Amino acid sequence: MKEKTAWYNVDHWRGHRHLVAVVIVLAAVLVRMEFLPSLGLRAPYITFYPAVIVAALLGGLVSGLLATALSAMAVALLLLEPMGRFRVGDPTDLQIMGIFVASGVMVSWISETMHHAQTRVITAKAELRLAVEREQAAAKLQETQRLLNSLVEGTLDAIYLKDRRGCYLLFNSAAERITGKRAEEVMGMDDTAIFSPARQRW
């Protein structure tokens, strides 16, 4: 059965981490500027905290950190004085931005740790499943061998098996009784090494 991949699995988004961060931050900017204009310059990070969290969940550490940096730049450019410049003039705004950046870094690190744990769990499950399948296959093989041995040893007819070189691979008890040779004597040997020329075509 194929292992299901969670939609937030970092491996699923590994090749799109940067794109994930950019798209999510752009969506956060759009929501903040177009759908929440009544807030004005208040609560500038209200849509960017969720953006960082989602980016970190989807893309891991790299995506989360990039989303944090882009969000801070967007807030500085669009929502903090002086407007339209990548500069924060108010010390309080600078402190709040520092808290936002620190939070984004922490969320990104936690998300990356979670992704690594998820990968280890998936790997462990796959290894366990493989071990179980091997154990089941070995049990089936043993059962098949047991049934084959019961069939071979239960018949009164001589049953033997040779490889391409003519060496014996199987020699049942009926064959032992008819030939007077034990299986241990003939296994891996050919007729010329075991029987006289007169009996080599028994």
C-alpha atoms as a PDB file:
ATOM      1  CA  MET A   1       0.000   0.000   0.000  1.00  0.00           C
ATOM      2  CA  LYS A   2       1.413   3.377  -0.977  1.00  0.00           C
ATOM      3  CA  GLU A   3       2.291   5.699   1.875  1.00  0.00           C
ATOM      4  CA  LYS A   4       0.058   8.758   1.927  1.00  0.00           C
ATOM      5  CA  THR A   5       1.817  12.106   2.008  1.00  0.00           C
ATOM      6  CA  ALA A   6       0.421  14.843   4.210  1.00  0.00           C
ATOM      7  CA  TRP A   7      -0.394  18.051   2.378  1.00  0.00           C
ATOM      8  CA  TYR A   8       1.992  19.950   4.682  1.00  0.00           C
ATOM      9  CA  ASN A   9       4.887  17.540   4.111  1.00  0.00           C
ATOM     10  CA  VAL A  10       7.987  19.659   3.406  1.00  0.00           C
ATOM     11  CA  ASP A  11       9.232  17.145   0.821  1.00  0.00           C
ATOM     12  CA  HIS A  12       6.083  17.728  -1.247  1.00  0.00           C
ATOM     13  CA  TRP A  13       6.879  21.441  -1.515  1.00  0.00           C
ATOM     14  CA  ARG A  14      10.701  21.169  -1.517  1.00  0.00           C
ATOM     15  CA  GLY A  15      11.122  22.402  -5.061  1.00  0.00           C
ATOM     16  CA  HIS A  16       8.763  25.355  -4.546  1.00  0.00           C
ATOM     17  CA  ARG A  17       9.813  26.751  -1.165  1.00  0.00           C
ATOM     18  CA  HIS A  18      10.649  30.231  -2.442  1.00  0.00           C
ATOM     19  CA  LEU A  19       7.516  30.433  -4.579  1.00  0.00           C
ATOM     20  CA  VAL A  20       5.387  29.314  -1.627  1.00  0.00           C
ATOM     21  CA  ALA A  21       6.771  32.095   0.555  1.00  0.00           C
ATOM     22  CA  VAL A  22       6.336  34.793  -2.100  1.00  0.00           C
ATOM     23  CA  VAL A  23       2.765  33.802  -2.999  1.00  0.00           C
ATOM     24  CA  ILE A  24       1.640  33.585   0.623  1.00  0.00           C
ATOM     25  CA  VAL A  25       3.145  36.958   1.537  1.00  0.00           C
ATOM     26  CA  LEU A  26       1.569  38.573  -1.534  1.00  0.00           C
ATOM     27  CA  ALA A  27      -1.774  37.113  -0.448  1.00  0.00           C
ATOM     28  CA  ALA A  28      -1.240  38.554   3.034  1.00  0.00           C
ATOM     29  CA  VAL A  29      -0.496  41.987   1.542  1.00  0.00           C
ATOM     30  CA  LEU A  30      -3.602  41.799  -0.650  1.00  0.00           C
ATOM     31  CA  VAL A  31      -5.864  40.862   2.253  1.00  0.00           C
ATOM     32  CA  ARG A  32      -4.383  43.546   4.498  1.00  0.00           C
ATOM     33  CA  MET A  33      -4.566  46.372   1.963  1.00  0.00           C
ATOM     34  CA  GLU A  34      -7.768  45.504   0.087  1.00  0.00           C
ATOM     35  CA  PHE A  35      -9.997  43.767   2.611  1.00  0.00           C
ATOM     36  CA  LEU A  36      -8.947  45.427   5.869  1.00  0.00           C
ATOM     37  CA  PRO A  37      -8.556  49.108   4.919  1.00  0.00           C
ATOM     38  CA  SER A  38     -10.486  50.195   7.997  1.00  0.00           C
ATOM     39  CA  LEU A  39      -7.520  49.241  10.182  1.00  0.00           C
ATOM     40  CA  GLY A  40      -5.398  51.937   8.623  1.00  0.00           C
ATOM     41  CA  LEU A  41      -1.892  51.677  10.061  1.00  0.00           C
ATOM     42  CA  ARG A  42      -3.052  49.781  13.128  1.00  0.00           C
ATOM     43  CA  ALA A  43      -2.217  46.088  13.646  1.00  0.00           C
ATOM     44  CA  PRO A  44       0.176  46.016  10.676  1.00  0.00           C
ATOM     45  CA  TYR A  45       1.164  42.374  11.211  1.00  0.00           C
ATOM     46  CA  ILE A  46      -2.338  40.929  11.550  1.00  0.00           C
ATOM     47  CA  THR A  47      -2.235  39.077   8.213  1.00  0.00           C
ATOM     48  CA  PHE A  48       1.496  38.407   8.201  1.00  0.00           C
ATOM     49  CA  TYR A  49       1.699  36.204  11.282  1.00  0.00           C
ATOM     50  CA  PRO A  50      -0.614  33.634   9.637  1.00  0.00           C
ATOM     51  CA  ALA A  51       1.344  34.000   6.392  1.00  0.00           C
ATOM     52  CA  VAL A  52       4.614  33.084   8.100  1.00  0.00           C
ATOM     53  CA  ILE A  53       3.006  30.137   9.900  1.00  0.00           C
ATOM     54  CA  VAL A  54       1.473  28.733   6.708  1.00  0.00           C
ATOM     55  CA  ALA A  55       4.697  29.247   4.736  1.00  0.00           C
ATOM     56  CA  ALA A  56       6.710  27.475   7.436  1.00  0.00           C
ATOM     57  CA  LEU A  57       4.235  24.589   7.576  1.00  0.00           C
ATOM     58  CA  LEU A  58       4.289  24.137   3.817  1.00  0.00           C
ATOM     59  CA  GLY A  59       7.922  24.830   3.020  1.00  0.00           C
ATOM     60  CA  GLY A  60       9.843  24.348   6.232  1.00  0.00           C
ATOM     61  CA  LEU A  61      12.651  26.540   7.538  1.00  0.00           C
ATOM     62  CA  VAL A  62      13.662  28.226   4.278  1.00  0.00           C
ATOM     63  CA  SER A  63      10.123  29.152   3.293  1.00  0.00           C
ATOM     64  CA  GLY A  64       9.295  30.383   6.793  1.00  0.00           C
ATOM     65  CA  LEU A  65      12.379  32.580   7.034  1.00  0.00           C
ATOM     66  CA  LEU A  66      11.819  34.018   3.562  1.00  0.00           C
ATOM     67  CA  ALA A  67       8.183  34.762   4.389  1.00  0.00           C
ATOM     68  CA  THR A  68       9.294  36.458   7.611  1.00  0.00           C
ATOM     69  CA  ALA A  69      11.771  38.682   5.768  1.00  0.00           C
ATOM     70  CA  LEU A  70       9.340  39.553   2.968  1.00  0.00           C
ATOM     71  CA  SER A  71       6.571  40.292   5.470  1.00  0.00           C
ATOM     72  CA  ALA A  72       8.808  42.620   7.476  1.00  0.00           C
ATOM     73  CA  MET A  73       9.795  44.436   4.289  1.00  0.00           C
ATOM     74  CA  ALA A  74       6.158  44.735   3.167  1.00  0.00           C
ATOM     75  CA  VAL A  75       5.103  46.153   6.534  1.00  0.00           C
ATOM     76  CA  ALA A  76       7.999  48.628   6.555  1.00  0.00           C
ATOM     77  CA  LEU A  77       7.187  49.759   3.009  1.00  0.00           C
ATOM     78  CA  LEU A  78       3.389  49.939   3.197  1.00  0.00           C
ATOM     79  CA  LEU A  79       2.263  50.232   6.798  1.00  0.00           C
ATOM     80  CA  LEU A  80       4.924  52.028   8.835  1.00  0.00           C
ATOM     81  CA  GLU A  81       6.167  55.589   8.809  1.00  0.00           C
ATOM     82  CA  PRO A  82       7.898  56.829   6.734  1.00  0.00           C
ATOM     83  CA  MET A  83       5.624  55.315   4.085  1.00  0.00           C
ATOM     84  CA  GLY A  84       7.126  53.953   0.877  1.00  0.00           C
ATOM     85  CA  ARG A  85      10.605  53.412   2.305  1.00  0.00           C
ATOM     86  CA  PHE A  86      12.325  50.329   3.684  1.00  0.00           C
ATOM     87  CA  ARG A  87      13.054  52.133   6.929  1.00  0.00           C
ATOM     88  CA  VAL A  88      11.384  52.126  10.341  1.00  0.00           C
ATOM     89  CA  GLY A  89      11.456  55.531  11.985  1.00  0.00           C
ATOM     90  CA  ASP A  90       9.655  54.868  15.266  1.00  0.00           C
ATOM     91  CA  PRO A  91      11.644  52.896  17.894  1.00  0.00           C
ATOM     92  CA  THR A  92       8.440  51.238  19.106  1.00  0.00           C
ATOM     93  CA  ASP A  93       7.653  50.068  15.590  1.00  0.00           C
ATOM     94  CA  LEU A  94      11.191  48.751  15.348  1.00  0.00           C
ATOM     95  CA  GLN A  95      10.767  46.779  18.584  1.00  0.00           C
ATOM     96  CA  ILE A  96       7.458  45.322  17.389  1.00  0.00           C
ATOM     97  CA  MET A  97       9.084  44.346  14.101  1.00  0.00           C
ATOM     98  CA  GLY A  98      11.901  42.696  16.036  1.00  0.00           C
ATOM     99  CA  ILE A  99       9.346  40.649  17.969  1.00  0.00           C
ATOM    100  CA  PHE A 100       7.654  39.681  14.698  1.00  0.00           C
ATOM    101  CA  VAL A 101      10.943  38.601  13.118  1.00  0.00           C
ATOM    102  CA  ALA A 102      11.956  36.625  16.215  1.00  0.00           C
ATOM    103  CA  SER A 103       8.560  34.932  16.251  1.00  0.00           C
ATOM    104  CA  GLY A 104       8.872  34.093  12.554  1.00  0.00           C
ATOM    105  CA  VAL A 105      12.306  32.555  13.078  1.00  0.00           C
ATOM    106  CA  MET A 106      11.035  30.494  16.014  1.00  0.00           C
ATOM    107  CA  VAL A 107       7.957  29.290  14.116  1.00  0.00           C
ATOM    108  CA  SER A 108      10.113  28.368  11.117  1.00  0.00           C
ATOM    109  CA  TRP A 109      12.552  26.406  13.280  1.00  0.00           C
ATOM    110  CA  ILE A 110       9.737  24.562  15.062  1.00  0.00           C
ATOM    111  CA  SER A 111       8.142  23.733  11.721  1.00  0.00           C
ATOM    112  CA  GLU A 112      11.421  22.390  10.345  1.00  0.00           C
ATOM    113  CA  THR A 113      11.857  20.254  13.464  1.00  0.00           C
ATOM    114  CA  MET A 114       8.332  18.935  12.978  1.00  0.00           C
ATOM    115  CA  HIS A 115       9.058  18.100   9.334  1.00  0.00           C
ATOM    116  CA  HIS A 116      12.199  16.180  10.291  1.00  0.00           C
ATOM    117  CA  ALA A 117      10.230  14.248  12.910  1.00  0.00           C
ATOM    118  CA  GLN A 118       7.537  13.495  10.335  1.00  0.00           C
ATOM    119  CA  THR A 119      10.155  12.216   7.892  1.00  0.00           C
ATOM    120  CA  ARG A 120      11.648   9.962  10.555  1.00  0.00           C
ATOM    121  CA  VAL A 121       8.199   8.579  11.390  1.00  0.00           C
ATOM    122  CA  ILE A 122       7.445   7.881   7.707  1.00  0.00           C
ATOM    123  CA  THR A 123      10.832   6.187   7.285  1.00  0.00           C
ATOM    124  CA  ALA A 124      10.312   4.097  10.411  1.00  0.00           C
ATOM    125  CA  LYS A 125       6.856   3.037   9.211  1.00  0.00           C
ATOM    126  CA  ALA A 126       8.255   2.044   5.818  1.00  0.00           C
ATOM    127  CA  GLU A 127      11.051   0.022   7.433  1.00  0.00           C
ATOM    128  CA  LEU A 128       8.590  -1.657   9.799  1.00  0.00           C
ATOM    129  CA  ARG A 129       6.246  -2.498   6.930  1.00  0.00           C
ATOM    130  CA  LEU A 130       9.149  -3.944   4.934  1.00  0.00           C
ATOM    131  CA  ALA A 131      10.250  -6.033   7.925  1.00  0.00           C
ATOM    132  CA  VAL A 132       6.709  -7.345   8.394  1.00  0.00           C
ATOM    133  CA  GLU A 133       6.412  -8.181   4.689  1.00  0.00           C
ATOM    134  CA  ARG A 134       9.734 -10.027   4.790  1.00  0.00           C
ATOM    135  CA  GLU A 135       8.658 -11.943   7.870  1.00  0.00           C
ATOM    136  CA  GLN A 136       5.368 -12.875   6.221  1.00  0.00           C
ATOM    137  CA  ALA A 137       7.172 -13.945   3.042  1.00  0.00           C
ATOM    138  CA  ALA A 138       9.593 -16.065   5.078  1.00  0.00           C
ATOM    139  CA  ALA A 139       6.687 -17.677   6.939  1.00  0.00           C
ATOM    140  CA  LYS A 140       4.923 -18.460   3.651  1.00  0.00           C
ATOM    141  CA  LEU A 141       8.122 -19.910   2.221  1.00  0.00           C
ATOM    142  CA  GLN A 142       8.591 -22.110   5.277  1.00  0.00           C
ATOM    143  CA  GLU A 143       4.992 -23.292   5.013  1.00  0.00           C
ATOM    144  CA  THR A 144       5.442 -24.054   1.313  1.00  0.00           C
ATOM    145  CA  GLN A 145       8.631 -25.962   2.034  1.00  0.00           C
ATOM    146  CA  ARG A 146       6.901 -27.891   4.810  1.00  0.00           C
ATOM    147  CA  LEU A 147       4.038 -28.858   2.500  1.00  0.00           C
ATOM    148  CA  LEU A 148       6.472 -29.820  -0.262  1.00  0.00           C
ATOM    149  CA  ASN A 149       8.507 -31.960   2.115  1.00  0.00           C
ATOM    150  CA  SER A 150       5.343 -33.649   3.365  1.00  0.00           C
ATOM    151  CA  LEU A 151       4.318 -34.412  -0.211  1.00  0.00           C
ATOM    152  CA  VAL A 152       7.739 -35.633  -1.290  1.00  0.00           C
ATOM    153  CA  GLU A 153       8.354 -37.775   1.779  1.00  0.00           C
ATOM    154  CA  GLY A 154       4.798 -39.117   1.945  1.00  0.00           C
ATOM    155  CA  THR A 155       4.826 -40.834  -1.430  1.00  0.00           C
ATOM    156  CA  LEU A 156       6.020 -44.385  -2.111  1.00  0.00           C
ATOM    157  CA  ASP A 157       7.496 -43.327  -5.442  1.00  0.00           C
ATOM    158  CA  ALA A 158      11.099 -42.251  -5.810  1.00  0.00           C
ATOM    159  CA  ILE A 159      11.306 -38.495  -6.279  1.00  0.00           C
ATOM    160  CA  TYR A 160      14.537 -36.738  -7.072  1.00  0.00           C
ATOM    161  CA  LEU A 161      15.634 -33.481  -8.644  1.00  0.00           C
ATOM    162  CA  LYS A 162      18.824 -32.685 -10.531  1.00  0.00           C
ATOM    163  CA  ASP A 163      20.385 -29.455 -11.669  1.00  0.00           C
ATOM    164  CA  ARG A 164      21.697 -28.826 -15.191  1.00  0.00           C
ATOM    165  CA  ARG A 165      24.964 -30.571 -14.373  1.00  0.00           C
ATOM    166  CA  GLY A 166      23.115 -33.685 -13.273  1.00  0.00           C
ATOM    167  CA  CYS A 167      23.842 -33.185  -9.577  1.00  0.00           C
ATOM    168  CA  TYR A 168      21.127 -34.140  -7.125  1.00  0.00           C
ATOM    169  CA  LEU A 169      19.209 -31.369  -5.407  1.00  0.00           C
ATOM    170  CA  LEU A 170      16.396 -33.491  -3.972  1.00  0.00           C
ATOM    171  CA  PHE A 171      16.332 -37.154  -2.979  1.00  0.00           C
ATOM    172  CA  ASN A 172      13.354 -38.472  -1.036  1.00  0.00           C
ATOM    173  CA  SER A 173      13.143 -41.438   1.330  1.00  0.00           C
ATOM    174  CA  ALA A 174      11.563 -43.663  -1.326  1.00  0.00           C
ATOM    175  CA  ALA A 175      14.565 -43.006  -3.568  1.00  0.00           C
ATOM    176  CA  GLU A 176      16.838 -43.863  -0.642  1.00  0.00           C
ATOM    177  CA  ARG A 177      15.014 -47.151  -0.130  1.00  0.00           C
ATOM    178  CA  ILE A 178      15.107 -48.113  -3.808  1.00  0.00           C
ATOM    179  CA  THR A 179      18.751 -47.175  -4.414  1.00  0.00           C
ATOM    180  CA  GLY A 180      20.161 -48.016  -1.029  1.00  0.00           C
ATOM    181  CA  LYS A 181      21.791 -44.597  -0.891  1.00  0.00           C
ATOM    182  CA  ARG A 182      21.142 -41.958   1.742  1.00  0.00           C
ATOM    183  CA  ALA A 183      20.234 -38.439   0.679  1.00  0.00           C
ATOM    184  CA  GLU A 184      23.362 -37.120   2.409  1.00  0.00           C
ATOM    185  CA  GLU A 185      25.486 -39.293   0.131  1.00  0.00           C
ATOM    186  CA  VAL A 186      23.988 -38.141  -3.144  1.00  0.00           C
ATOM    187  CA  MET A 187      23.211 -34.460  -2.585  1.00  0.00           C
ATOM    188  CA  GLY A 188      25.428 -32.334  -4.812  1.00  0.00           C
ATOM    189  CA  MET A 189      26.805 -35.418  -6.597  1.00  0.00           C
ATOM    190  CA  ASP A 190      26.020 -36.842 -10.025  1.00  0.00           C
ATOM    191  CA  ASP A 191      25.310 -40.445 -10.987  1.00  0.00           C
ATOM    192  CA  THR A 192      28.885 -41.194 -12.040  1.00  0.00           C
ATOM    193  CA  ALA A 193      30.174 -40.404  -8.570  1.00  0.00           C
ATOM    194  CA  ILE A 194      27.527 -42.446  -6.770  1.00  0.00           C
ATOM    195  CA  PHE A 195      26.343 -45.417  -8.770  1.00  0.00           C
ATOM    196  CA  SER A 196      27.994 -48.115 -10.800  1.00  0.00           C
ATOM    197  CA  PRO A 197      27.664 -47.824 -14.599  1.00  0.00           C
ATOM    198  CA  ALA A 198      24.956 -50.467 -14.548  1.00  0.00           C
ATOM    199  CA  ARG A 199      22.788 -48.413 -12.174  1.00  0.00           C
ATOM    200  CA  GLN A 200      23.466 -44.936 -13.503  1.00  0.00           C
ATOM    201  CA  ARG A 201      20.176 -44.950 -15.427  1.00  0.00           C
ATOM    202  CA  TRP A 202      17.996 -46.256 -12.650  1.00  0.00           C
END
